[in-house]
């Protein structure tokens, strides 16, 4: 139950590849990997270790809890079962809007007019007046805080020009991330037989928002209420009001989907902050989705520790280099390397840096050289790549010749 791929150094795309923990080091912000049960594969040593902690029993059809600091899935239930996502759909709508803002194709202060199609969309609303232009910023608040379907539709049309073009963008993005259980039919999450996703896939989308657009996440998802058109509506993420560590994300409800909620929390610990993400789908009531989300968060924080194995830019190993302008190379990681283990087991973790010998220049910054092997009580647990922290250029002709002679003698 660990990380998959792609979000390099806090963000690129998601894939489901590489070894579970080794990939975490290459891309610690990666989306959580497919669980062993879903992949019908034997448990990896890391998965087997985490599975020694009994998960809670929740009143939900599907759920998942992910440690985003390490990228490891701590536990899941029916996480790859297709479900109606209701307004959790709006996370993808938000992601593509943030992406358009970053690319400059739309602007926060851009004023747009609600279309007739958006105005007629049913369900929850931010109550846009189609006669009065509204800013993209207010539309984001109306969609994220108030869960306005009219806001989601207007944003979709602003980003892509039409609802159908935006839905195509949603599905292309899902395909790029390898979300096999997801297919979108609209930007809102209103019921449709072809509109479905999974708890796992939603955790990937949520992870991308937090990692790819941290400033946007912090700006919009923790807002507790928003007033538009003289109408104030509270954020439906109930834990924002009861758990100070919770800073987002989104709720959803339809008769088919039941009550759903995605929650993220950041808590401080002596060895650094830990961020957890939970997804619960198909709970029987609004109260239950909040209670079950809180159970998952507390369980994840209370039963596991995050162990920092490498800090960006700080060497894990200093190795001898031949034929270079320097005779030393610092090997470590360009991104945080963190591993999650059951509480109290951190003291039993051992690490061993393994590298090729001899190391011959040139060595490029970020170049993968060797690996960090992690074991627990002498048993192999995981592997992380080691990278060159600072480049070591090739020496001049005389330096190379001298080192060639020394290597021959060695």
Protein backbone atom coordinates (compact mmCIF):
# COMPACT_ATOMS: atom_id res chain seq x y z
CA UNK A 1 0.00 0.00 0.00
CA UNK A 2 2.45 2.54 -1.17
CA UNK A 3 3.15 5.14 -3.72
CA UNK A 4 3.07 4.86 -7.51
CA UNK A 5 4.53 7.37 -9.84
CA UNK A 6 4.91 10.65 -11.35
CA UNK A 7 4.50 14.00 -9.61
CA UNK A 8 8.20 14.74 -9.76
CA UNK A 9 9.29 16.78 -6.75
CA UNK A 10 5.72 17.74 -6.04
CA UNK A 11 4.04 17.28 -9.16
CA UNK A 12 3.89 15.82 -12.64
CA UNK A 13 1.52 13.16 -13.75
CA UNK A 14 0.42 9.95 -12.04
CA UNK A 15 1.19 6.47 -13.23
CA UNK A 16 1.13 3.12 -11.56
CA UNK A 17 4.65 1.83 -11.90
CA UNK A 18 8.01 1.15 -10.29
CA UNK A 19 8.56 -0.50 -6.98
CA UNK A 20 6.33 0.77 -4.19
CA UNK A 21 8.72 2.71 -2.02
CA UNK A 22 11.53 3.30 -4.44
CA UNK A 23 9.11 5.33 -6.48
CA UNK A 24 8.22 7.42 -3.47
CA UNK A 25 11.74 8.70 -3.31
CA UNK A 26 11.74 9.63 -6.97
CA UNK A 27 8.42 11.42 -6.58
CA UNK A 28 7.24 11.80 -2.99
CA UNK A 29 4.18 13.72 -4.03
CA UNK A 30 3.02 10.88 -6.18
CA UNK A 31 -0.45 9.50 -6.04
CA UNK A 32 -1.01 6.42 -3.90
CA UNK A 33 -0.43 3.13 -5.67
CA UNK A 34 -2.96 0.42 -6.34
CA UNK A 35 -3.52 -1.67 -3.25
CA UNK A 36 -2.46 -5.29 -3.25
CA UNK A 37 -6.05 -6.52 -3.02
CA UNK A 38 -7.06 -4.54 -6.07
CA UNK A 39 -4.08 -5.70 -8.09
CA UNK A 40 -4.56 -9.34 -6.99
CA UNK A 41 -0.84 -9.48 -6.28
CA UNK A 42 1.11 -10.73 -3.27
CA UNK A 43 1.70 -8.19 -0.53
CA UNK A 44 4.99 -6.34 -0.74
CA UNK A 45 7.03 -6.25 2.48
CA UNK A 46 5.82 -2.69 3.07
CA UNK A 47 2.19 -3.59 2.50
CA UNK A 48 2.50 -6.59 4.79
CA UNK A 49 4.01 -4.41 7.52
CA UNK A 50 1.24 -1.81 7.35
CA UNK A 51 -1.39 -4.55 7.29
CA UNK A 52 -0.32 -5.67 10.77
CA UNK A 53 -2.32 -2.71 12.13
CA UNK A 54 -6.03 -3.64 12.04
CA UNK A 55 -8.00 -0.96 10.15
CA UNK A 56 -11.16 0.56 11.58
CA UNK A 57 -14.61 -0.65 10.57
CA UNK A 58 -16.55 2.12 8.90
CA UNK A 59 -20.16 2.54 7.86
CA UNK A 60 -19.22 3.34 4.25
CA UNK A 61 -19.33 1.43 0.98
CA UNK A 62 -15.77 2.41 0.06
CA UNK A 63 -12.93 4.30 1.71
CA UNK A 64 -9.21 4.92 1.67
CA UNK A 65 -6.67 6.69 3.89
CA UNK A 66 -3.34 7.87 2.48
CA UNK A 67 -0.29 9.36 4.18
CA UNK A 68 0.60 12.07 1.68
CA UNK A 69 3.90 12.81 3.39
CA UNK A 70 5.23 9.38 2.47
CA UNK A 71 2.78 8.62 -0.34
CA UNK A 72 1.72 5.34 1.27
CA UNK A 73 -1.79 3.93 1.43
CA UNK A 74 -2.36 3.03 5.06
CA UNK A 75 -5.61 1.12 4.55
CA UNK A 76 -8.54 0.85 2.16
CA UNK A 77 -11.88 -0.86 1.67
CA UNK A 78 -13.40 -1.33 -1.78
CA UNK A 79 -11.15 1.50 -2.94
CA UNK A 80 -11.38 0.37 -6.59
CA UNK A 81 -15.11 -0.23 -6.58
CA UNK A 82 -16.89 2.11 -8.98
CA UNK A 83 -19.19 4.56 -7.24
CA UNK A 84 -21.19 7.65 -8.15
CA UNK A 85 -19.03 10.58 -6.99
CA UNK A 86 -21.72 13.28 -6.72
CA UNK A 87 -20.06 16.68 -6.09
CA UNK A 88 -16.67 15.11 -5.44
CA UNK A 89 -16.54 15.41 -9.24
CA UNK A 90 -15.85 19.11 -8.73
CA UNK A 91 -12.29 18.30 -7.65
CA UNK A 92 -11.43 17.53 -11.27
CA UNK A 93 -13.25 20.69 -12.35
CA UNK A 94 -11.17 22.64 -9.83
CA UNK A 95 -7.94 20.99 -10.97
CA UNK A 96 -8.46 21.88 -14.62
CA UNK A 97 -9.43 25.44 -13.65
CA UNK A 98 -6.24 25.82 -11.57
CA UNK A 99 -4.29 24.43 -14.52
CA UNK A 100 -5.86 26.97 -16.90
CA UNK A 101 -5.02 29.76 -14.46
CA UNK A 102 -1.41 28.62 -14.28
CA UNK A 103 -1.18 28.43 -18.07
CA UNK A 104 -2.68 31.90 -18.37
CA UNK A 105 -5.62 30.96 -20.57
CA UNK A 106 -7.98 32.44 -17.95
CA UNK A 107 -7.44 34.92 -15.11
CA UNK A 108 -8.75 35.13 -11.54
CA UNK A 109 -10.21 38.58 -12.04
CA UNK A 110 -11.73 37.68 -15.40
CA UNK A 111 -15.44 38.52 -15.48
CA UNK A 112 -17.74 36.03 -17.19
CA UNK A 113 -21.47 35.75 -17.75
CA UNK A 114 -23.43 32.67 -16.77
CA UNK A 115 -24.92 30.79 -19.71
CA UNK A 116 -28.52 29.65 -19.93
CA UNK A 117 -27.30 26.05 -19.65
CA UNK A 118 -25.46 26.79 -16.40
CA UNK A 119 -28.39 28.79 -15.02
CA UNK A 120 -30.77 25.88 -15.65
CA UNK A 121 -28.50 23.29 -14.00
CA UNK A 122 -30.22 21.82 -10.95
CA UNK A 123 -28.87 20.85 -7.56
CA UNK A 124 -26.79 22.98 -5.21
CA UNK A 125 -26.14 26.53 -6.35
CA UNK A 126 -24.15 29.66 -5.60
CA UNK A 127 -27.08 31.64 -7.06
CA UNK A 128 -25.38 33.46 -9.92
CA UNK A 129 -27.48 36.16 -11.53
CA UNK A 130 -27.10 35.61 -15.29
CA UNK A 131 -27.54 39.34 -15.80
CA UNK A 132 -24.50 40.16 -13.65
CA UNK A 133 -20.94 39.10 -14.66
CA UNK A 134 -19.06 37.08 -12.04
CA UNK A 135 -15.30 36.68 -11.52
CA UNK A 136 -13.44 33.42 -11.87
CA UNK A 137 -12.30 33.86 -8.27
CA UNK A 138 -15.88 34.02 -7.02
CA UNK A 139 -16.82 31.06 -9.20
CA UNK A 140 -14.07 28.98 -7.57
CA UNK A 141 -15.31 29.95 -4.11
CA UNK A 142 -18.88 29.24 -5.15
CA UNK A 143 -17.95 25.81 -6.47
CA UNK A 144 -15.55 24.71 -3.72
CA UNK A 145 -17.18 26.25 -0.65
CA UNK A 146 -20.83 26.27 -1.68
CA UNK A 147 -20.64 23.31 -4.10
CA UNK A 148 -22.51 25.34 -6.69
CA UNK A 149 -23.38 23.42 -9.82
CA UNK A 150 -24.00 26.71 -11.60
CA UNK A 151 -20.45 27.74 -10.69
CA UNK A 152 -18.98 24.45 -11.91
CA UNK A 153 -20.78 24.71 -15.24
CA UNK A 154 -19.72 28.33 -15.73
CA UNK A 155 -16.09 27.51 -14.93
CA UNK A 156 -16.14 24.57 -17.33
CA UNK A 157 -17.46 26.73 -20.15
CA UNK A 158 -14.97 29.48 -19.35
CA UNK A 159 -12.00 27.09 -19.40
CA UNK A 160 -12.95 25.01 -22.43
CA UNK A 161 -15.53 27.02 -24.35
CA UNK A 162 -18.27 24.44 -23.91
CA UNK A 163 -19.38 21.84 -21.41
CA UNK A 164 -18.72 18.96 -23.80
CA UNK A 165 -15.18 20.15 -24.52
CA UNK A 166 -14.50 20.46 -20.79
CA UNK A 167 -15.83 16.94 -20.08
CA UNK A 168 -13.46 15.66 -22.75
CA UNK A 169 -10.63 17.44 -20.92
CA UNK A 170 -11.71 15.80 -17.66
CA UNK A 171 -11.59 12.33 -19.17
CA UNK A 172 -8.27 12.95 -20.91
CA UNK A 173 -6.75 14.05 -17.61
CA UNK A 174 -8.13 10.96 -15.88
CA UNK A 175 -6.61 8.78 -18.59
CA UNK A 176 -3.23 10.51 -18.28
CA UNK A 177 -3.24 9.70 -14.56
CA UNK A 178 -4.20 6.09 -15.21
CA UNK A 179 -7.57 6.34 -13.44
CA UNK A 180 -9.12 3.20 -14.85
CA UNK A 181 -12.28 3.35 -12.72
CA UNK A 182 -13.23 6.90 -13.66
CA UNK A 183 -15.42 8.35 -16.40
CA UNK A 184 -16.99 11.80 -16.32
CA UNK A 185 -20.19 12.94 -18.01
CA UNK A 186 -20.39 16.49 -16.59
CA UNK A 187 -18.41 18.95 -14.43
CA UNK A 188 -20.86 18.82 -11.51
CA UNK A 189 -21.49 15.22 -10.48
CA UNK A 190 -25.23 15.18 -11.14
CA UNK A 191 -26.44 11.59 -11.58
CA UNK A 192 -25.70 9.90 -14.90
CA UNK A 193 -25.28 6.16 -15.62
CA UNK A 194 -21.93 6.82 -17.30
CA UNK A 195 -20.56 9.03 -14.54
CA UNK A 196 -18.45 7.08 -12.03
CA UNK A 197 -15.15 6.93 -10.17
CA UNK A 198 -13.52 5.15 -7.23
CA UNK A 199 -12.23 6.12 -3.81
CA UNK A 200 -8.70 5.43 -5.02
CA UNK A 201 -9.09 7.53 -8.15
CA UNK A 202 -10.49 10.41 -6.11
CA UNK A 203 -7.49 10.20 -3.80
CA UNK A 204 -5.27 10.64 -6.86
CA UNK A 205 -7.19 13.71 -8.03
CA UNK A 206 -7.13 15.21 -4.54
CA UNK A 207 -3.41 14.53 -4.22
CA UNK A 208 -2.72 16.33 -7.48
CA UNK A 209 -4.60 19.41 -6.32
CA UNK A 210 -2.68 19.54 -3.04
CA UNK A 211 0.72 18.88 -4.64
CA UNK A 212 0.42 20.62 -8.01
CA UNK A 213 -1.40 23.72 -6.77
CA UNK A 214 -0.58 24.13 -3.05
CA UNK A 215 -1.33 27.86 -3.02
CA UNK A 216 -4.72 27.38 -4.65
CA UNK A 217 -5.49 24.53 -2.28
CA UNK A 218 -4.65 26.71 0.73
CA UNK A 219 -6.58 29.66 -0.65
CA UNK A 220 -9.90 27.99 -1.42
CA UNK A 221 -10.42 24.68 0.34
CA UNK A 222 -10.17 25.83 3.95
CA UNK A 223 -12.70 28.67 3.55
CA UNK A 224 -15.53 28.00 6.00
CA UNK A 225 -18.24 30.12 4.37
CA UNK A 226 -18.81 32.28 1.34
CA UNK A 227 -21.34 34.99 0.61
CA UNK A 228 -22.45 35.68 -2.92
CA UNK A 229 -25.49 37.57 -4.18
CA UNK A 230 -26.30 38.36 -0.51
CA UNK A 231 -26.59 34.63 0.27
CA UNK A 232 -24.16 33.08 2.77
CA UNK A 233 -23.54 29.35 2.66
CA UNK A 234 -21.19 27.31 4.89
CA UNK A 235 -18.61 24.85 3.71
CA UNK A 236 -20.10 21.36 4.02
CA UNK A 237 -16.79 19.82 5.12
CA UNK A 238 -17.88 19.61 8.74
CA UNK A 239 -14.42 18.77 10.08
CA UNK A 240 -13.22 22.25 9.12
CA UNK A 241 -15.24 23.45 12.10
CA UNK A 242 -14.29 20.74 14.59
CA UNK A 243 -10.72 19.61 13.81
CA UNK A 244 -8.13 22.42 13.61
CA UNK A 245 -5.77 20.23 11.57
CA UNK A 246 -8.27 19.81 8.73
CA UNK A 247 -7.79 22.27 5.86
CA UNK A 248 -10.07 20.80 3.13
CA UNK A 249 -11.43 19.24 0.88
CA UNK A 250 -14.93 18.43 -0.53
CA UNK A 251 -18.27 16.74 0.11
CA UNK A 252 -20.88 15.21 -2.13
CA UNK A 253 -24.37 13.76 -1.96
CA UNK A 254 -26.94 12.23 -4.25
CA UNK A 255 -29.42 9.45 -3.52
CA UNK A 256 -27.28 7.09 -5.59
CA UNK A 257 -23.90 8.14 -4.17
CA UNK A 258 -24.95 8.50 -0.55
CA UNK A 259 -23.01 10.91 1.64
CA UNK A 260 -19.37 11.25 0.63
CA UNK A 261 -16.44 13.30 1.82
CA UNK A 262 -12.77 13.83 1.05
CA UNK A 263 -10.75 15.29 3.90
CA UNK A 264 -7.14 16.35 4.27
CA UNK A 265 -5.39 17.26 7.51
CA UNK A 266 -1.92 18.45 8.47
CA UNK A 267 -0.66 17.75 11.98
CA UNK A 268 2.71 18.59 13.50
CA UNK A 269 4.97 15.95 15.06
CA UNK A 270 8.46 16.12 16.59
CA UNK A 271 10.08 14.81 13.40
CA UNK A 272 8.02 17.06 11.10
CA UNK A 273 4.51 17.62 9.71
CA UNK A 274 2.33 14.77 8.45
CA UNK A 275 -0.49 15.19 5.95
CA UNK A 276 -3.19 12.54 5.68
CA UNK A 277 -5.94 12.27 3.07
CA UNK A 278 -9.17 10.33 3.53
CA UNK A 279 -11.95 9.45 1.12
CA UNK A 280 -15.23 7.99 2.35
CA UNK A 281 -18.04 7.13 -0.05
CA UNK A 282 -21.55 5.85 0.46
CA UNK A 283 -22.14 6.66 4.13
CA UNK A 284 -25.78 6.74 5.30
CA UNK A 285 -25.95 10.32 6.58
CA UNK A 286 -24.30 13.72 6.57
CA UNK A 287 -23.21 13.17 10.16
CA UNK A 288 -21.78 9.74 9.38
CA UNK A 289 -19.50 10.97 6.63
CA UNK A 290 -17.92 13.44 9.06
CA UNK A 291 -17.63 10.93 11.88
CA UNK A 292 -16.13 8.23 9.68
CA UNK A 293 -13.66 10.68 8.16
CA UNK A 294 -12.57 11.69 11.66
CA UNK A 295 -12.16 8.05 12.64
CA UNK A 296 -9.86 7.47 9.66
CA UNK A 297 -7.77 10.55 10.34
CA UNK A 298 -7.31 9.75 14.03
CA UNK A 299 -6.55 6.10 13.26
CA UNK A 300 -3.89 7.06 10.72
CA UNK A 301 -2.22 9.58 13.00
CA UNK A 302 -2.35 7.43 16.14
CA UNK A 303 -1.15 4.13 14.71
CA UNK A 304 1.69 5.10 12.38
CA UNK A 305 4.89 7.13 12.43
CA UNK A 306 6.61 8.88 9.54
CA UNK A 307 10.37 8.31 9.49
CA UNK A 308 12.46 10.84 7.55
CA UNK A 309 15.20 8.99 5.67
CA UNK A 310 16.53 11.83 3.55
CA UNK A 311 16.12 15.60 3.44
CA UNK A 312 16.39 17.41 0.09
CA UNK A 313 19.89 18.65 -0.58
CA UNK A 314 21.47 16.91 2.41
CA UNK A 315 23.84 14.04 1.62
CA UNK A 316 23.13 10.51 2.74
CA UNK A 317 26.56 9.44 1.53
CA UNK A 318 29.75 11.17 0.35
CA UNK A 319 31.54 9.04 -2.24
CA UNK A 320 34.93 9.18 -3.95
CA UNK A 321 34.83 10.33 -7.59
CA UNK A 322 37.47 9.73 -10.23
CA UNK A 323 38.37 11.91 -13.22
CA UNK A 324 36.31 14.84 -11.94
CA UNK A 325 36.91 18.45 -10.98
CA UNK A 326 36.14 17.29 -7.44
CA UNK A 327 37.17 14.03 -5.83
CA UNK A 328 33.93 13.79 -3.82
CA UNK A 329 30.27 13.48 -4.73
CA UNK A 330 27.36 13.95 -2.37
CA UNK A 331 24.61 11.40 -2.86
CA UNK A 332 21.16 11.90 -1.43
CA UNK A 333 17.77 12.98 -2.69
CA UNK A 334 16.43 16.08 -4.36
CA UNK A 335 13.08 15.49 -2.68
CA UNK A 336 12.02 14.38 0.82
CA UNK A 337 12.24 10.64 1.44
CA UNK A 338 9.82 9.53 4.13
CA UNK A 339 8.60 6.09 5.12
CA UNK A 340 5.50 5.28 7.17
CA UNK A 341 5.68 2.39 9.65
CA UNK A 342 3.48 1.18 12.49
CA UNK A 343 3.96 3.28 15.60
CA UNK A 344 7.06 2.42 17.61
CA UNK A 345 8.85 0.53 14.82
CA UNK A 346 10.93 3.47 13.63
CA UNK A 347 13.75 2.56 16.01
CA UNK A 348 14.09 -0.81 14.26
CA UNK A 349 14.58 0.69 10.78
CA UNK A 350 18.04 0.29 9.25
CA UNK A 351 19.35 1.93 6.08
CA UNK A 352 22.30 1.06 3.86
CA UNK A 353 23.56 3.17 0.97
CA UNK A 354 24.62 1.09 -2.04
CA UNK A 355 26.52 2.67 -4.93
CA UNK A 356 28.62 1.58 -7.90
CA UNK A 357 32.41 1.68 -7.47
CA UNK A 358 34.33 3.33 -8.96
CA UNK A 359 32.33 6.50 -9.63
CA UNK A 360 33.70 8.25 -12.70
CA UNK A 361 32.90 11.83 -13.69
CA UNK A 362 31.05 13.53 -15.22
CA UNK A 363 28.13 13.24 -12.81
CA UNK A 364 25.06 15.39 -13.42
CA UNK A 365 22.97 16.91 -10.63
CA UNK A 366 19.94 14.70 -10.09
CA UNK A 367 21.58 11.72 -11.79
CA UNK A 368 20.58 8.46 -10.13
CA UNK A 369 23.58 6.76 -8.58
CA UNK A 370 22.89 3.73 -6.42
CA UNK A 371 20.15 3.28 -3.89
CA UNK A 372 19.21 3.41 -0.24
CA UNK A 373 18.15 0.00 1.02
CA UNK A 374 15.77 0.02 3.97
CA UNK A 375 15.26 -2.96 6.26
CA UNK A 376 13.36 -3.72 9.44
CA UNK A 377 15.08 -5.96 11.95
CA UNK A 378 17.35 -7.19 9.18
CA UNK A 379 14.54 -8.00 6.72
CA UNK A 380 14.42 -6.02 3.41
CA UNK A 381 11.57 -3.54 3.42
CA UNK A 382 12.01 -0.98 0.65
CA UNK A 383 14.45 0.67 -1.72
CA UNK A 384 14.88 4.35 -2.62
CA UNK A 385 17.06 5.83 -5.38
CA UNK A 386 20.06 7.97 -4.50
CA UNK A 387 20.83 10.98 -6.65
CA UNK A 388 23.80 13.27 -7.18
CA UNK A 389 23.13 16.48 -5.23
CA UNK A 390 25.78 18.67 -6.90
CA UNK A 391 27.19 18.06 -10.36
CA UNK A 392 30.79 16.89 -10.70
CA UNK A 393 32.12 17.93 -14.14
CA UNK A 394 34.80 15.99 -15.90
CA UNK A 395 38.37 17.05 -15.11
CA UNK A 396 40.86 18.26 -17.69
CA UNK A 397 43.05 15.92 -19.70
CA UNK A 398 45.84 15.79 -17.10
CA UNK A 399 43.45 15.16 -14.20
CA UNK A 400 41.76 12.35 -16.12
CA UNK A 401 45.09 10.81 -17.07
CA UNK A 402 46.34 10.90 -13.48
CA UNK A 403 43.16 9.27 -12.16
CA UNK A 404 43.31 6.64 -14.92
CA UNK A 405 46.76 5.69 -13.70
CA UNK A 406 45.61 5.60 -10.07
CA UNK A 407 42.64 3.39 -11.02
CA UNK A 408 44.97 0.97 -12.78
CA UNK A 409 47.13 0.71 -9.67
CA UNK A 410 44.03 0.37 -7.45
